[in-house]
Amino acid sequence: MEDLNNDGRSVNLSSGLKFEQLLELAGTLAQLHAWSLTTDVDWKTNLPTSETLLAGIEQYFDNISDKVDEIVHSYSQYFSSVNVEKVKEMLNLKSISKMLDCNTELIGEVLVHGDLWVSNIFFFQNDDGLAGNSIKGIIDWQFAHRGSFCNDLRRLFDISTCTTLRRKYMETVLQFYYNRLKSFAGDKLTVSYLQVKNIFETAFAYTAVTSFVFLLEECIEMLADDEQAKHFILLRLAELYEDGSRLLGF
């Protein structure tokens, strides 16, 4: 197995992905998704559906409601505006499965990585030793499954991208993704950009209002010795919630 650390670099979580890196990732996903939709290769047989994937981690959701209460209480300076009951309503297997499969009947199932965030993405190293804009590799495919085109795209815009950049460029990146998908898939893709945008915004809104529940613990652990970075990430999660709740109307 290749060691991606030789000339590859991941992006610092608190800094987040750059616009050029987002475009590179969106284009790569478009190519993967177009292949999923057009290939004659039987790629689905050995991959679980989202329903099967969730069944394997069902116990994780047993005490998820308590986790919402704990986070809102412990980090009230960031999450005091959270509508706790609304969030809890969304944290059930049926809602999550529906979100993971959103509109696959319209566009079709694609190969989904399942955990696409900065820690699992390596870019080729620049001369300055930092991550460049060209992808070297993506690791940790243990949650790979058959699902919606939204799933990996929406993950790029939760904790992996700073709020300012996300708000400014998310639609631009989505349009770029659609254009690339259309160029690769051709007549196999029959949906319009507006349809894709509406589907994506619904999936992203779900992600945005629930990200603090799923991601906060791991992020805090990663940044245990950096109080400023922790503040940035907590603020990013709070701003995600604000934007998602606005899209959902609560």
Protein backbone atom coordinates (compact mmCIF):
# COMPACT_ATOMS: atom_id res chain seq x y z
CA MET A 1 0.00 0.00 0.00
CA GLU A 2 1.33 3.43 -0.94
CA ASP A 3 2.39 5.74 1.88
CA LEU A 4 0.52 8.97 1.12
CA ASN A 5 2.66 10.87 3.63
CA ASN A 6 5.73 10.73 1.36
CA ASP A 7 4.70 13.63 -0.86
CA GLY A 8 1.08 14.03 0.20
CA ARG A 9 -0.43 16.40 2.75
CA SER A 10 -3.82 16.66 4.38
CA VAL A 11 -5.44 19.99 5.15
CA ASN A 12 -5.46 21.46 8.65
CA LEU A 13 -8.96 21.10 10.07
CA SER A 14 -9.18 24.60 11.54
CA SER A 15 -8.03 26.19 8.25
CA GLY A 16 -10.33 24.06 6.10
CA LEU A 17 -10.34 23.37 2.39
CA LYS A 18 -9.51 26.11 -0.10
CA PHE A 19 -11.74 27.03 -3.04
CA GLU A 20 -9.35 25.42 -5.54
CA GLN A 21 -9.27 22.21 -3.49
CA LEU A 22 -13.06 22.12 -3.37
CA LEU A 23 -13.20 22.43 -7.16
CA GLU A 24 -10.69 19.60 -7.52
CA LEU A 25 -12.71 17.38 -5.19
CA ALA A 26 -16.03 18.27 -6.84
CA GLY A 27 -14.60 17.45 -10.26
CA THR A 28 -13.25 14.12 -9.00
CA LEU A 29 -16.61 13.23 -7.46
CA ALA A 30 -18.35 14.16 -10.71
CA GLN A 31 -16.09 11.76 -12.60
CA LEU A 32 -16.67 8.96 -10.06
CA HIS A 33 -20.43 9.54 -10.08
CA ALA A 34 -20.59 9.64 -13.88
CA TRP A 35 -18.70 6.34 -14.00
CA SER A 36 -21.18 4.89 -11.47
CA LEU A 37 -24.10 5.91 -13.68
CA THR A 38 -22.68 4.82 -17.04
CA THR A 39 -20.36 1.84 -16.53
CA ASP A 40 -21.19 -1.75 -17.41
CA VAL A 41 -19.07 -2.92 -14.48
CA ASP A 42 -21.17 -4.53 -11.73
CA TRP A 43 -19.84 -2.30 -8.94
CA LYS A 44 -22.98 -2.46 -6.77
CA THR A 45 -22.90 -6.16 -5.88
CA ASN A 46 -20.21 -5.92 -3.21
CA LEU A 47 -21.29 -2.59 -1.72
CA PRO A 48 -24.00 -2.18 0.92
CA THR A 49 -27.00 0.05 0.52
CA SER A 50 -27.30 2.91 3.00
CA GLU A 51 -29.98 0.91 4.84
CA THR A 52 -27.61 -2.04 5.31
CA LEU A 53 -24.81 0.28 6.35
CA LEU A 54 -26.98 1.95 8.99
CA ALA A 55 -28.19 -1.40 10.32
CA GLY A 56 -24.59 -2.19 11.20
CA ILE A 57 -24.29 0.87 13.45
CA GLU A 58 -27.86 0.94 14.77
CA GLN A 59 -26.74 0.83 18.41
CA TYR A 60 -24.97 4.18 17.91
CA PHE A 61 -28.36 5.89 17.73
CA ASP A 62 -29.76 4.38 20.94
CA ASN A 63 -28.72 7.32 23.13
CA ILE A 64 -28.39 9.99 20.48
CA SER A 65 -31.10 12.18 22.03
CA ASP A 66 -29.14 12.39 25.28
CA LYS A 67 -26.09 13.45 23.29
CA VAL A 68 -27.96 16.45 21.86
CA ASP A 69 -28.90 17.60 25.36
CA GLU A 70 -25.35 17.14 26.65
CA ILE A 71 -23.75 19.14 23.84
CA VAL A 72 -26.23 22.01 24.02
CA HIS A 73 -25.74 22.18 27.79
CA SER A 74 -21.94 21.84 27.77
CA TYR A 75 -21.38 24.30 24.92
CA SER A 76 -24.30 26.65 25.48
CA GLN A 77 -22.27 29.68 24.37
CA TYR A 78 -22.26 28.17 20.87
CA PHE A 79 -25.49 26.18 20.68
CA SER A 80 -28.05 28.09 22.75
CA SER A 81 -30.19 28.70 19.65
CA VAL A 82 -30.54 25.00 18.80
CA ASN A 83 -34.11 23.74 18.54
CA VAL A 84 -33.39 20.57 20.49
CA GLU A 85 -36.70 18.84 19.79
CA LYS A 86 -36.48 19.47 16.04
CA VAL A 87 -32.96 18.07 15.91
CA LYS A 88 -33.96 14.99 17.90
CA GLU A 89 -36.83 14.35 15.48
CA MET A 90 -34.30 14.18 12.64
CA LEU A 91 -31.95 11.77 14.41
CA ASN A 92 -33.70 8.48 13.70
CA LEU A 93 -32.70 5.73 11.30
CA LYS A 94 -35.65 6.33 8.98
CA SER A 95 -34.82 10.01 8.50
CA ILE A 96 -31.11 9.34 8.08
CA SER A 97 -31.71 6.55 5.57
CA LYS A 98 -34.04 8.80 3.58
CA MET A 99 -31.40 11.53 3.53
CA LEU A 100 -28.65 9.11 2.42
CA ASP A 101 -30.84 7.88 -0.43
CA CYS A 102 -32.29 11.28 -1.34
CA ASN A 103 -33.63 11.18 -4.88
CA THR A 104 -31.63 8.16 -6.03
CA GLU A 105 -34.77 7.22 -7.95
CA LEU A 106 -34.34 10.41 -9.99
CA ILE A 107 -30.59 10.41 -10.60
CA GLY A 108 -29.56 6.86 -9.72
CA GLU A 109 -27.22 5.34 -7.13
CA VAL A 110 -23.56 6.32 -7.17
CA LEU A 111 -20.50 5.01 -5.36
CA VAL A 112 -20.25 6.94 -2.09
CA HIS A 113 -17.09 7.16 0.05
CA GLY A 114 -19.17 7.75 3.17
CA ASP A 115 -16.69 9.72 5.28
CA LEU A 116 -15.21 12.37 3.00
CA TRP A 117 -13.62 15.07 5.14
CA VAL A 118 -10.18 16.67 5.49
CA SER A 119 -8.62 13.86 7.54
CA ASN A 120 -9.26 11.35 4.75
CA ILE A 121 -8.09 13.47 1.81
CA PHE A 122 -4.46 13.86 0.74
CA PHE A 123 -3.22 16.44 -1.75
CA PHE A 124 0.17 16.52 -3.44
CA GLN A 125 2.59 18.60 -1.43
CA ASN A 126 3.57 22.06 -2.65
CA ASP A 127 7.16 23.33 -2.61
CA ASP A 128 6.34 25.07 0.67
CA GLY A 129 5.49 21.73 2.27
CA LEU A 130 1.76 22.45 2.46
CA ALA A 131 -1.14 20.73 0.71
CA GLY A 132 -1.52 21.78 -2.92
CA ASN A 133 -4.66 21.57 -5.04
CA SER A 134 -4.17 18.21 -6.79
CA ILE A 135 -5.53 15.09 -5.09
CA LYS A 136 -2.99 12.39 -4.29
CA GLY A 137 -5.35 9.96 -2.62
CA ILE A 138 -8.44 9.40 -0.49
CA ILE A 139 -8.27 6.93 2.40
CA ASP A 140 -10.62 5.07 4.78
CA TRP A 141 -13.26 3.62 2.49
CA GLN A 142 -14.84 1.42 5.17
CA PHE A 143 -18.17 3.28 4.92
CA ALA A 144 -18.34 3.07 1.12
CA HIS A 145 -21.86 2.30 -0.07
CA ARG A 146 -24.44 2.82 -2.78
CA GLY A 147 -26.30 6.07 -2.33
CA SER A 148 -27.02 9.63 -3.38
CA PHE A 149 -24.63 11.97 -5.19
CA CYS A 150 -25.26 14.41 -2.32
CA ASN A 151 -23.61 12.36 0.38
CA ASP A 152 -19.94 13.05 -0.26
CA LEU A 153 -20.56 16.53 -1.66
CA ARG A 154 -22.40 17.70 1.43
CA ARG A 155 -19.60 16.40 3.69
CA LEU A 156 -17.11 18.69 1.95
CA PHE A 157 -19.15 21.65 3.18
CA ASP A 158 -19.70 20.76 6.81
CA ILE A 159 -16.69 20.77 9.11
CA SER A 160 -14.08 20.70 6.31
CA THR A 161 -14.77 24.21 4.99
CA CYS A 162 -14.74 27.50 6.87
CA THR A 163 -18.05 29.35 7.06
CA THR A 164 -16.98 32.37 5.00
CA LEU A 165 -15.75 30.26 2.10
CA ARG A 166 -18.74 27.91 2.29
CA ARG A 167 -21.26 30.72 2.15
CA LYS A 168 -19.43 32.43 -0.69
CA TYR A 169 -18.59 29.47 -2.93
CA MET A 170 -20.85 26.49 -2.22
CA GLU A 171 -23.20 27.18 -5.11
CA THR A 172 -20.28 27.89 -7.46
CA VAL A 173 -18.72 24.54 -6.59
CA LEU A 174 -22.07 22.77 -7.02
CA GLN A 175 -22.51 24.32 -10.47
CA PHE A 176 -18.97 23.20 -11.37
CA TYR A 177 -19.79 19.68 -10.14
CA TYR A 178 -22.96 19.56 -12.26
CA ASN A 179 -21.19 20.80 -15.39
CA ARG A 180 -18.47 18.16 -15.00
CA LEU A 181 -21.03 15.44 -14.24
CA LYS A 182 -22.98 16.37 -17.36
CA SER A 183 -19.84 16.37 -19.50
CA PHE A 184 -18.85 12.90 -18.25
CA ALA A 185 -22.31 11.28 -18.11
CA GLY A 186 -23.80 12.81 -21.25
CA ASP A 187 -27.32 11.63 -22.06
CA LYS A 188 -27.35 9.36 -19.00
CA LEU A 189 -27.88 12.47 -16.88
CA THR A 190 -31.36 13.81 -17.55
CA VAL A 191 -31.84 16.12 -14.57
CA SER A 192 -31.31 19.87 -14.71
CA TYR A 193 -28.94 21.90 -12.56
CA LEU A 194 -31.93 23.39 -10.72
CA GLN A 195 -33.14 19.90 -9.77
CA VAL A 196 -29.66 18.95 -8.56
CA LYS A 197 -29.41 22.19 -6.57
CA ASN A 198 -32.77 21.63 -4.85
CA ILE A 199 -31.87 18.04 -3.95
CA PHE A 200 -28.46 19.06 -2.66
CA GLU A 201 -29.78 21.96 -0.56
CA THR A 202 -32.23 19.65 1.20
CA ALA A 203 -29.49 17.12 1.97
CA PHE A 204 -27.08 19.84 3.04
CA ALA A 205 -29.66 21.42 5.37
CA TYR A 206 -30.05 18.08 7.16
CA THR A 207 -26.28 17.77 7.47
CA ALA A 208 -25.92 21.34 8.67
CA VAL A 209 -28.36 21.08 11.58
CA THR A 210 -27.08 17.70 12.78
CA SER A 211 -23.31 18.04 12.23
CA PHE A 212 -22.64 19.23 15.76
CA VAL A 213 -24.11 15.98 17.11
CA PHE A 214 -22.03 13.69 14.90
CA LEU A 215 -18.77 15.62 14.57
CA LEU A 216 -18.14 17.70 17.69
CA GLU A 217 -16.69 14.95 19.88
CA GLU A 218 -14.12 13.75 17.33
CA CYS A 219 -13.09 17.29 16.40
CA ILE A 220 -12.60 18.33 20.02
CA GLU A 221 -10.47 15.24 20.59
CA MET A 222 -8.33 16.01 17.53
CA LEU A 223 -7.75 19.58 18.71
CA ALA A 224 -7.33 18.83 22.41
CA ASP A 225 -4.25 21.01 22.85
CA ASP A 226 -5.33 23.96 20.71
CA GLU A 227 -8.00 26.11 22.37
CA GLN A 228 -8.15 28.62 19.53
CA ALA A 229 -8.67 25.89 16.93
CA LYS A 230 -11.40 24.34 19.09
CA HIS A 231 -13.15 27.71 19.24
CA PHE A 232 -13.02 28.02 15.44
CA ILE A 233 -14.50 24.55 14.97
CA LEU A 234 -17.25 25.03 17.55
CA LEU A 235 -18.15 28.31 15.90
CA ARG A 236 -18.16 26.63 12.48
CA LEU A 237 -20.55 23.95 13.74
CA ALA A 238 -22.81 26.58 15.30
CA GLU A 239 -22.89 28.57 12.05
CA LEU A 240 -23.66 25.40 10.12
CA TYR A 241 -26.65 24.85 12.38
CA GLU A 242 -27.83 28.44 11.86
CA ASP A 243 -27.67 28.14 8.07
CA GLY A 244 -29.31 24.71 8.02
CA SER A 245 -32.15 25.72 10.33
CA ARG A 246 -32.79 28.74 8.13
CA LEU A 247 -33.08 26.51 5.06
CA LEU A 248 -35.44 24.17 6.92
CA GLY A 249 -37.52 27.00 8.36
CA PHE A 250 -37.04 26.49 12.08
